[in-house]
Amino acid sequence: MSTAPMAKGTAMSSRPTPALPWWGLLALSTAAFTAVLTELLPAGLLPRMAPALGVSEGRVGFLVTGYALASFLAAIPLTAALRGQPRRRVLIGTLVGFACCNAVTALSTSYALTFTVRLTAGVMGGTLWAMLVGYAARMVPAERRGRAIAVVLAGITLALSLGVPAGSALAEALGWRAAFAVPAVLAALLVVWVRWQVPDFPGEAAGTHVPLRRVAGLPGIVPILSVTLLLLLGHQAIYTYVAPFAEHVGFGHTGLVLLVFGLATVVGIWIVGVLVDAHLRRTLLTSLAVIAGAMLALGLAARSPAVLLVAVALWGAAFGGAPTLIQTALVDASGPAHADVATSLQTTVYNTGIAAGSFTGGLVLEDAGASALPWTAFPLVAGALVVVVVGRRMAFPVRRRAGDARLVDGRAVDGRGVDGRGAGGRPVGGRSKASVVSCVCDTAAAASRESTAMRPSQ
């Protein structure tokens, strides 16, 4: 009789890891691509859009600002309001919104109308970003979670490195309205793609909603959000002003610098996709250390073209995969059942870091000059590195425990879902009642220690 459980355990351990649902994940990745393209297209089309809308280029630039502001403001409240809705219905709704907003933008001759639909598109974007990572996490087993998130977030990198430049080239050939027609058609096609290839998941049942502050208070969440903020502050402080920095060090080919950075981010996202599930903590530590080292190189020896380009390549490769690593850590800490809420918090922090980093870099550029930009970024990235080093227990553990129980609202929440089910509604097996109780007690003790500390303990 004693051999039966052993045989069962052996069979479970030898079961092959299921393949990734590629078509579904690629649909989510294309949705991310479409959202980034929608957000950033106006930035490269200012001279063409301004005469058609009868306003200055500066006011056309507000179309990007308005989108970002609406996305920032909508992420948390809309995520909370839509938590009870089936996930695929919400996803399709955002894609329909993107299709309509881009189509209206492509046809509009009124700045007021264009600005209004850009605000609406921003609301769609805030909703989409809050749910994409959690959606991907629920589509796969816990041991494939990081790679699935990497596939989805690759859409962002491809949009930045290829999509936006291609949109600008299309605008030169066929006009700026044609450039906006592309994401409109892409979003419409995605509605069909998602309906056929992306599984649906239920929303949270009435009466089971966990308050936002409870999710924010889960062990590890605050340190992860802190790393997000520090990294984005440092990155944006110099990346926003890479053109004046390149000119300051005597390198006049800003386009080449941006190309090297963009291509390196593609390499970085591929490397992280291979390593994230097995070596999340080690890879994130390496990425942050490389970015910090690149900032030192730019501060000390950027007047050498070779040093400049190598440092930018290392910076791009390390930064390209960092969002995947941080998002995976966030889903590990919150559990897929609460990933939408946790990601809505991170979306807000992410946008705050972008805005505050760009603003800080602008002040530094005016007051101290371009040479001070790397030295502004370095301590911020180093601070993020310190948080990861310290957060070895809960935020960025040495060993990922994908099946951990989390204590939320006084009850155990498995790492795969609030109802104890895994990806696709599969029950999570192989754990005895005693081990669940032990895990809950350990987590409760950890939470108690955190509440008495001066700062969150990772």
Protein backbone atom coordinates (compact mmCIF):
# COMPACT_ATOMS: atom_id res chain seq x y z
CA MET A 1 0.00 0.00 0.00
CA SER A 2 2.84 2.36 0.71
CA THR A 3 4.04 2.08 -2.86
CA ALA A 4 0.92 3.59 -4.43
CA PRO A 5 1.52 7.18 -3.42
CA MET A 6 5.16 6.83 -4.43
CA ALA A 7 4.18 5.56 -7.88
CA LYS A 8 1.71 8.38 -8.28
CA GLY A 9 4.31 10.93 -7.30
CA THR A 10 6.81 9.41 -9.71
CA ALA A 11 4.31 9.59 -12.55
CA MET A 12 3.51 13.20 -11.79
CA SER A 13 7.15 14.22 -11.61
CA SER A 14 7.97 12.49 -14.89
CA ARG A 15 5.06 14.03 -16.78
CA PRO A 16 6.44 16.18 -19.62
CA THR A 17 6.00 19.93 -19.36
CA PRO A 18 3.14 20.96 -21.68
CA ALA A 19 3.98 23.11 -24.68
CA LEU A 20 3.19 26.80 -24.65
CA PRO A 21 -0.14 27.82 -26.24
CA TRP A 22 1.71 29.77 -28.90
CA TRP A 23 -1.23 31.06 -30.91
CA GLY A 24 -2.95 32.43 -27.85
CA LEU A 25 0.21 34.02 -26.45
CA LEU A 26 1.07 35.54 -29.83
CA ALA A 27 -2.41 37.07 -29.95
CA LEU A 28 -1.74 38.74 -26.60
CA SER A 29 1.70 39.84 -27.80
CA THR A 30 0.14 41.37 -30.92
CA ALA A 31 -2.35 43.18 -28.69
CA ALA A 32 0.59 44.68 -26.79
CA PHE A 33 2.21 45.63 -30.12
CA THR A 34 -1.01 47.35 -31.22
CA ALA A 35 -1.33 49.28 -27.96
CA VAL A 36 2.23 50.63 -28.11
CA LEU A 37 1.85 51.53 -31.78
CA THR A 38 -1.39 53.37 -31.02
CA GLU A 39 0.21 55.29 -28.17
CA LEU A 40 3.42 56.41 -29.85
CA LEU A 41 2.54 56.93 -33.53
CA PRO A 42 1.75 60.67 -33.17
CA ALA A 43 5.24 61.37 -31.81
CA GLY A 44 6.78 60.53 -35.19
CA LEU A 45 4.07 62.23 -37.25
CA LEU A 46 3.97 65.72 -35.72
CA PRO A 47 4.92 67.70 -38.86
CA ARG A 48 2.34 65.85 -40.97
CA MET A 49 -0.57 65.85 -38.52
CA ALA A 50 -0.32 69.50 -37.42
CA PRO A 51 -1.37 71.14 -40.74
CA ALA A 52 -4.17 68.62 -41.29
CA LEU A 53 -5.63 69.28 -37.84
CA GLY A 54 -4.97 73.03 -37.95
CA VAL A 55 -2.84 73.19 -34.80
CA SER A 56 0.81 73.51 -33.82
CA GLU A 57 3.16 70.56 -33.53
CA GLY A 58 3.24 71.11 -29.77
CA ARG A 59 -0.52 70.58 -29.54
CA VAL A 60 -0.26 67.43 -31.63
CA GLY A 61 2.30 66.26 -29.07
CA PHE A 62 -0.45 66.54 -26.46
CA LEU A 63 -2.13 63.60 -28.20
CA VAL A 64 0.59 61.39 -26.73
CA THR A 65 0.40 63.11 -23.35
CA GLY A 66 -3.39 62.77 -23.23
CA TYR A 67 -3.21 59.08 -24.05
CA ALA A 68 -0.65 58.46 -21.31
CA LEU A 69 -2.64 60.48 -18.76
CA ALA A 70 -5.87 58.61 -19.52
CA SER A 71 -4.05 55.28 -19.30
CA PHE A 72 -2.52 56.31 -15.97
CA LEU A 73 -5.86 57.38 -14.49
CA ALA A 74 -7.93 54.48 -15.84
CA ALA A 75 -5.75 51.49 -14.95
CA ILE A 76 -6.71 51.01 -11.30
CA PRO A 77 -10.40 52.05 -11.22
CA LEU A 78 -11.35 50.24 -14.43
CA THR A 79 -9.51 47.10 -13.38
CA ALA A 80 -11.43 47.14 -10.11
CA ALA A 81 -14.74 47.80 -11.86
CA LEU A 82 -14.27 45.00 -14.41
CA ARG A 83 -12.88 42.32 -12.11
CA GLY A 84 -16.16 40.40 -12.16
CA GLN A 85 -16.40 40.26 -15.96
CA PRO A 86 -15.20 37.29 -18.04
CA ARG A 87 -11.62 38.03 -19.04
CA ARG A 88 -11.96 37.45 -22.78
CA ARG A 89 -14.95 39.76 -22.97
CA VAL A 90 -12.92 42.57 -21.42
CA LEU A 91 -9.97 41.86 -23.72
CA ILE A 92 -12.15 41.91 -26.84
CA GLY A 93 -13.79 45.11 -25.62
CA THR A 94 -10.44 46.88 -25.41
CA LEU A 95 -9.49 45.68 -28.90
CA VAL A 96 -12.78 46.95 -30.35
CA GLY A 97 -12.03 50.26 -28.64
CA PHE A 98 -8.57 50.41 -30.21
CA ALA A 99 -10.00 49.63 -33.66
CA CYS A 100 -12.64 52.36 -33.40
CA CYS A 101 -10.31 55.00 -31.93
CA ASN A 102 -7.62 54.48 -34.55
CA ALA A 103 -10.19 54.47 -37.36
CA VAL A 104 -11.67 57.76 -36.16
CA THR A 105 -8.18 59.26 -35.81
CA ALA A 106 -7.37 58.23 -39.38
CA LEU A 107 -10.50 60.00 -40.68
CA SER A 108 -10.68 63.02 -38.37
CA THR A 109 -10.06 66.60 -39.48
CA SER A 110 -10.87 68.04 -36.04
CA TYR A 111 -8.26 68.37 -33.31
CA ALA A 112 -10.94 68.28 -30.59
CA LEU A 113 -12.36 65.02 -31.93
CA THR A 114 -8.90 63.53 -32.34
CA PHE A 115 -7.93 64.48 -28.78
CA THR A 116 -11.17 62.97 -27.44
CA VAL A 117 -10.65 59.63 -29.16
CA ARG A 118 -7.02 59.62 -28.01
CA LEU A 119 -8.24 59.92 -24.42
CA THR A 120 -10.61 57.03 -25.08
CA ALA A 121 -7.76 54.99 -26.56
CA GLY A 122 -5.73 55.72 -23.44
CA VAL A 123 -8.52 54.28 -21.29
CA MET A 124 -8.44 51.15 -23.45
CA GLY A 125 -4.67 51.00 -23.02
CA GLY A 126 -4.82 51.28 -19.24
CA THR A 127 -7.34 48.44 -19.12
CA LEU A 128 -5.34 46.26 -21.50
CA TRP A 129 -2.00 46.64 -19.72
CA ALA A 130 -3.56 45.75 -16.39
CA MET A 131 -4.82 42.39 -17.65
CA LEU A 132 -2.31 41.12 -20.25
CA VAL A 133 0.28 39.65 -17.88
CA GLY A 134 -2.30 38.01 -15.64
CA TYR A 135 -4.02 36.55 -18.68
CA ALA A 136 -0.80 35.00 -19.94
CA ALA A 137 -0.03 33.60 -16.48
CA ARG A 138 -3.39 31.83 -16.33
CA MET A 139 -2.89 30.20 -19.74
CA VAL A 140 0.15 28.13 -18.72
CA PRO A 141 1.40 25.98 -15.83
CA ALA A 142 3.35 27.84 -13.17
CA GLU A 143 6.69 26.45 -14.35
CA ARG A 144 6.18 28.07 -17.80
CA ARG A 145 4.82 31.37 -16.51
CA GLY A 146 7.94 33.46 -17.06
CA ARG A 147 8.40 32.35 -20.65
CA ALA A 148 4.73 33.04 -21.43
CA ILE A 149 5.04 36.55 -20.03
CA ALA A 150 8.21 37.07 -22.08
CA VAL A 151 6.35 36.15 -25.27
CA VAL A 152 3.56 38.62 -24.51
CA LEU A 153 5.86 41.49 -23.55
CA ALA A 154 7.97 40.93 -26.66
CA GLY A 155 5.20 42.78 -28.47
CA ILE A 156 6.25 45.96 -26.67
CA THR A 157 9.87 45.60 -27.72
CA LEU A 158 8.96 44.87 -31.33
CA ALA A 159 6.61 47.84 -31.45
CA LEU A 160 9.32 50.18 -30.16
CA SER A 161 12.13 48.84 -32.32
CA LEU A 162 10.22 48.03 -35.52
CA GLY A 163 6.57 49.10 -35.38
CA VAL A 164 6.94 52.82 -34.70
CA PRO A 165 9.73 53.32 -37.30
CA ALA A 166 7.67 51.34 -39.84
CA GLY A 167 4.65 53.53 -39.09
CA SER A 168 6.71 56.64 -39.74
CA ALA A 169 7.96 55.18 -43.02
CA LEU A 170 4.40 54.34 -44.06
CA ALA A 171 3.34 57.90 -43.27
CA GLU A 172 6.07 59.23 -45.54
CA ALA A 173 4.91 56.99 -48.38
CA LEU A 174 1.11 57.11 -48.04
CA GLY A 175 0.33 59.84 -45.51
CA TRP A 176 -0.21 59.87 -41.76
CA ARG A 177 -3.81 58.66 -42.00
CA ALA A 178 -2.63 55.38 -43.52
CA ALA A 179 -0.32 54.92 -40.53
CA PHE A 180 -3.30 55.04 -38.13
CA ALA A 181 -5.33 52.73 -40.36
CA VAL A 182 -2.81 49.94 -39.71
CA PRO A 183 -3.45 49.54 -35.93
CA ALA A 184 -7.19 49.96 -36.60
CA VAL A 185 -7.20 46.99 -38.98
CA LEU A 186 -4.81 45.04 -36.74
CA ALA A 187 -7.07 45.49 -33.70
CA ALA A 188 -10.12 44.40 -35.71
CA LEU A 189 -8.35 41.25 -36.88
CA LEU A 190 -7.24 40.57 -33.32
CA VAL A 191 -10.87 40.41 -32.18
CA VAL A 192 -11.34 37.33 -34.37
CA TRP A 193 -7.95 35.89 -33.42
CA VAL A 194 -8.62 36.25 -29.69
CA ARG A 195 -12.11 34.80 -30.04
CA TRP A 196 -10.73 31.64 -31.68
CA GLN A 197 -7.36 31.11 -30.01
CA VAL A 198 -7.39 32.70 -26.53
CA PRO A 199 -9.19 30.77 -23.77
CA ASP A 200 -11.73 32.52 -21.61
CA PHE A 201 -11.43 32.79 -17.83
CA PRO A 202 -14.16 33.81 -15.40
CA GLY A 203 -14.00 37.06 -13.50
CA GLU A 204 -14.02 37.13 -9.74
CA ALA A 205 -17.30 35.97 -8.22
CA ALA A 206 -19.39 38.53 -6.38
CA GLY A 207 -18.38 38.80 -2.75
CA THR A 208 -14.89 37.41 -3.32
CA HIS A 209 -13.19 40.62 -4.46
CA VAL A 210 -10.01 41.24 -2.51
CA PRO A 211 -9.53 44.97 -1.79
CA LEU A 212 -6.77 46.76 -3.64
CA ARG A 213 -4.92 47.55 -0.43
CA ARG A 214 -4.86 43.84 0.48
CA VAL A 215 -3.21 42.95 -2.82
CA ALA A 216 -0.75 45.83 -2.39
CA GLY A 217 0.02 44.50 1.09
CA LEU A 218 0.92 40.98 -0.04
CA PRO A 219 4.51 40.07 0.88
CA GLY A 220 6.90 41.18 -1.82
CA ILE A 221 4.57 43.50 -3.76
CA VAL A 222 5.95 46.81 -2.43
CA PRO A 223 9.61 45.92 -3.11
CA ILE A 224 8.72 44.81 -6.65
CA LEU A 225 6.90 48.09 -7.30
CA SER A 226 9.88 49.95 -5.83
CA VAL A 227 12.24 48.25 -8.28
CA THR A 228 9.90 49.21 -11.13
CA LEU A 229 9.87 52.86 -10.06
CA LEU A 230 13.62 53.17 -9.48
CA LEU A 231 14.52 51.45 -12.75
CA LEU A 232 12.12 53.58 -14.82
CA LEU A 233 13.27 56.78 -13.12
CA GLY A 234 16.88 56.04 -13.97
CA HIS A 235 16.22 54.75 -17.48
CA GLN A 236 13.97 57.61 -18.58
CA ALA A 237 16.22 60.27 -17.07
CA ILE A 238 18.83 59.53 -19.74
CA TYR A 239 16.94 57.72 -22.52
CA THR A 240 14.58 60.65 -23.09
CA TYR A 241 17.57 62.89 -23.72
CA VAL A 242 19.84 60.46 -25.55
CA ALA A 243 20.03 62.83 -28.55
CA PRO A 244 21.53 65.79 -26.65
CA PHE A 245 23.78 63.38 -24.73
CA ALA A 246 25.11 61.88 -27.98
CA GLU A 247 25.75 65.37 -29.36
CA HIS A 248 27.46 66.39 -26.12
CA VAL A 249 29.98 63.55 -26.39
CA GLY A 250 30.63 64.34 -30.04
CA PHE A 251 28.68 61.48 -31.64
CA GLY A 252 26.34 62.99 -34.20
CA HIS A 253 24.57 59.81 -35.29
CA THR A 254 21.67 59.70 -32.83
CA GLY A 255 19.73 57.40 -35.14
CA LEU A 256 22.50 54.82 -34.93
CA VAL A 257 22.47 55.00 -31.13
CA LEU A 258 18.71 54.38 -31.07
CA LEU A 259 19.03 51.55 -33.60
CA VAL A 260 21.70 49.82 -31.51
CA PHE A 261 19.55 50.20 -28.40
CA GLY A 262 16.44 48.87 -30.16
CA LEU A 263 18.16 45.83 -31.65
CA ALA A 264 19.78 45.06 -28.30
CA THR A 265 16.39 45.07 -26.56
CA VAL A 266 15.21 42.36 -28.95
CA VAL A 267 18.24 40.25 -28.01
CA GLY A 268 17.59 40.93 -24.33
CA ILE A 269 13.97 39.83 -24.43
CA TRP A 270 15.03 36.57 -26.14
CA ILE A 271 17.72 35.85 -23.54
CA VAL A 272 15.32 36.52 -20.68
CA GLY A 273 12.68 34.29 -22.27
CA VAL A 274 15.15 31.41 -22.03
CA LEU A 275 16.31 32.13 -18.48
CA VAL A 276 13.37 33.65 -16.61
CA ASP A 277 11.66 30.50 -15.34
CA ALA A 278 14.81 28.83 -14.02
CA HIS A 279 16.93 31.83 -12.99
CA LEU A 280 14.68 34.84 -12.41
CA ARG A 281 16.54 36.36 -9.46
CA ARG A 282 20.02 35.80 -10.89
CA THR A 283 19.02 37.18 -14.30
CA LEU A 284 17.42 40.30 -12.81
CA LEU A 285 20.47 40.96 -10.64
CA THR A 286 22.69 40.62 -13.70
CA SER A 287 20.47 42.90 -15.77
CA LEU A 288 20.45 45.68 -13.19
CA ALA A 289 24.20 45.36 -12.63
CA VAL A 290 24.80 45.61 -16.38
CA ILE A 291 22.61 48.72 -16.67
CA ALA A 292 24.42 50.32 -13.74
CA GLY A 293 27.77 49.45 -15.33
CA ALA A 294 26.63 50.92 -18.64
CA MET A 295 25.73 54.17 -16.88
CA LEU A 296 29.21 54.29 -15.36
CA ALA A 297 30.77 53.72 -18.78
CA LEU A 298 28.66 56.47 -20.32
CA GLY A 299 29.60 58.82 -17.51
CA LEU A 300 33.32 58.11 -17.67
CA ALA A 301 34.22 57.35 -21.29
CA ALA A 302 31.32 58.07 -23.64
CA ARG A 303 33.48 60.31 -25.83
CA SER A 304 34.90 57.12 -27.29
CA PRO A 305 32.45 55.99 -30.01
CA ALA A 306 33.27 52.34 -29.31
CA VAL A 307 32.56 52.72 -25.59
CA LEU A 308 29.37 54.65 -26.32
CA LEU A 309 27.92 52.05 -28.68
CA VAL A 310 28.96 49.05 -26.56
CA ALA A 311 27.52 50.66 -23.42
CA VAL A 312 24.26 51.46 -25.23
CA ALA A 313 24.07 47.88 -26.55
CA LEU A 314 24.57 46.43 -23.06
CA TRP A 315 22.06 48.90 -21.62
CA GLY A 316 19.48 47.94 -24.26
CA ALA A 317 19.99 44.18 -23.87
CA ALA A 318 19.73 44.38 -20.08
CA PHE A 319 16.75 46.73 -20.08
CA GLY A 320 14.87 44.87 -22.82
CA GLY A 321 14.21 41.83 -20.65
CA ALA A 322 13.86 43.61 -17.30
CA PRO A 323 10.08 44.21 -17.56
CA THR A 324 9.52 40.49 -18.12
CA LEU A 325 11.56 39.60 -15.04
CA ILE A 326 9.79 42.15 -12.85
CA GLN A 327 6.33 41.22 -14.13
CA THR A 328 7.00 37.54 -13.52
CA ALA A 329 8.12 38.30 -9.97
CA LEU A 330 4.94 40.34 -9.50
CA VAL A 331 2.69 37.48 -10.64
CA ASP A 332 4.62 35.06 -8.41
CA ALA A 333 4.02 37.35 -5.44
CA SER A 334 0.35 38.10 -6.12
CA GLY A 335 -0.72 34.81 -7.70
CA PRO A 336 -2.44 34.78 -11.11
CA ALA A 337 -5.84 35.27 -9.46
CA HIS A 338 -4.80 38.78 -8.38
CA ALA A 339 -2.35 39.54 -11.17
CA ASP A 340 -4.74 41.99 -12.87
CA VAL A 341 -4.99 44.12 -9.74
CA ALA A 342 -1.25 43.90 -9.02
CA THR A 343 -0.46 44.77 -12.63
CA SER A 344 -2.79 47.77 -12.51
CA LEU A 345 -0.70 49.03 -9.59
CA GLN A 346 2.45 48.43 -11.57
CA THR A 347 1.00 50.19 -14.63
CA THR A 348 0.45 53.27 -12.48
CA VAL A 349 3.95 53.04 -11.00
CA TYR A 350 5.43 52.42 -14.47
CA ASN A 351 3.80 55.53 -15.94
CA THR A 352 4.82 57.53 -12.89
CA GLY A 353 8.42 56.44 -13.41
CA ILE A 354 8.32 57.40 -17.08
CA ALA A 355 6.89 60.86 -16.39
CA ALA A 356 9.03 61.58 -13.32
CA GLY A 357 12.20 60.24 -14.95
CA SER A 358 11.73 62.36 -18.06
CA PHE A 359 10.99 65.41 -15.93
CA THR A 360 14.02 64.80 -13.72
CA GLY A 361 16.27 64.31 -16.73
CA GLY A 362 15.03 67.58 -18.21
CA LEU A 363 15.86 69.48 -15.04
CA VAL A 364 19.31 67.90 -14.90
CA LEU A 365 19.94 68.70 -18.56
CA GLU A 366 19.07 72.36 -18.04
CA ASP A 367 20.91 72.84 -14.75
CA ALA A 368 23.98 70.59 -15.06
CA GLY A 369 24.22 69.65 -18.72
CA ALA A 370 24.07 66.37 -20.62
CA SER A 371 27.22 65.03 -18.96
CA ALA A 372 25.31 64.69 -15.67
CA LEU A 373 22.59 62.43 -17.09
CA PRO A 374 24.41 59.07 -16.59
CA TRP A 375 25.33 60.10 -13.05
CA THR A 376 21.66 60.83 -12.39
CA ALA A 377 20.61 57.42 -13.67
CA PHE A 378 23.34 55.40 -11.94
CA PRO A 379 22.24 55.78 -8.27
CA LEU A 380 18.61 55.09 -9.18
CA VAL A 381 19.46 51.85 -10.99
CA ALA A 382 21.88 50.93 -8.20
CA GLY A 383 19.04 51.49 -5.73
CA ALA A 384 16.87 49.04 -7.66
CA LEU A 385 19.74 46.54 -7.55
CA VAL A 386 19.99 46.90 -3.77
CA VAL A 387 16.24 46.24 -3.36
CA VAL A 388 16.56 43.01 -5.36
CA VAL A 389 19.63 41.93 -3.36
CA VAL A 390 17.80 42.50 -0.08
CA GLY A 391 14.54 40.98 -1.33
CA ARG A 392 15.79 37.41 -1.43
CA ARG A 393 12.99 36.00 0.73
CA MET A 394 9.62 37.16 -0.61
CA ALA A 395 9.97 39.62 -3.51
CA PHE A 396 12.81 38.01 -5.46
CA PRO A 397 13.43 34.64 -3.78
CA VAL A 398 16.44 32.50 -4.58
CA ARG A 399 14.06 29.69 -5.49
CA ARG A 400 10.72 30.53 -7.05
CA ARG A 401 7.90 28.74 -5.31
CA ALA A 402 5.20 28.86 -7.94
CA GLY A 403 2.73 26.89 -5.84
CA ASP A 404 3.11 28.95 -2.67
CA ALA A 405 0.07 29.67 -0.58
CA ARG A 406 -0.54 33.36 0.03
CA LEU A 407 -2.62 34.67 2.91
CA VAL A 408 -5.24 37.06 1.54
CA ASP A 409 -8.13 38.30 3.63
CA GLY A 410 -7.48 35.65 6.22
CA ARG A 411 -7.41 32.64 3.90
CA ALA A 412 -4.85 30.74 1.88
CA VAL A 413 -4.61 31.63 -1.77
CA ASP A 414 -2.65 29.23 -3.92
CA GLY A 415 -0.11 30.75 -6.27
CA ARG A 416 -2.22 29.55 -9.20
CA GLY A 417 -5.55 31.00 -8.20
CA VAL A 418 -7.95 32.00 -5.48
CA ASP A 419 -10.00 28.83 -5.90
CA GLY A 420 -7.07 26.43 -5.77
CA ARG A 421 -7.17 25.82 -9.50
CA GLY A 422 -4.31 26.20 -11.90
CA ALA A 423 -4.07 27.44 -15.43
CA GLY A 424 -7.19 26.74 -17.41
CA GLY A 425 -9.11 25.80 -14.25
CA ARG A 426 -7.08 22.68 -13.53
CA PRO A 427 -7.04 21.70 -9.85
CA VAL A 428 -3.69 21.99 -8.17
CA GLY A 429 -2.77 18.61 -6.76
CA GLY A 430 -0.06 16.91 -4.78
CA ARG A 431 -0.33 18.91 -1.56
CA SER A 432 -1.58 17.54 1.71
CA LYS A 433 -3.70 19.51 4.16
CA ALA A 434 -0.79 19.57 6.57
CA SER A 435 1.53 21.13 4.02
CA VAL A 436 -1.07 23.79 3.18
CA VAL A 437 -1.49 24.67 6.85
CA SER A 438 2.29 24.80 7.27
CA CYS A 439 2.69 27.06 4.27
CA VAL A 440 -0.10 29.38 5.44
CA CYS A 441 1.42 29.61 8.91
CA ASP A 442 4.82 30.44 7.45
CA THR A 443 3.31 33.15 5.26
CA ALA A 444 1.26 34.58 8.12
CA ALA A 445 4.35 34.73 10.31
CA ALA A 446 6.24 36.50 7.56
CA ALA A 447 3.42 39.01 7.13
CA SER A 448 3.38 39.66 10.88
CA ARG A 449 7.11 40.36 10.88
CA GLU A 450 6.70 42.73 7.95
CA SER A 451 3.99 44.73 9.70
CA THR A 452 6.32 45.48 12.61
CA ALA A 453 9.26 46.55 10.47
CA MET A 454 10.09 50.14 9.56
CA ARG A 455 10.03 49.19 5.89
CA PRO A 456 8.66 46.17 4.02
CA SER A 457 10.81 43.12 4.46
CA GLN A 458 11.43 41.31 1.24
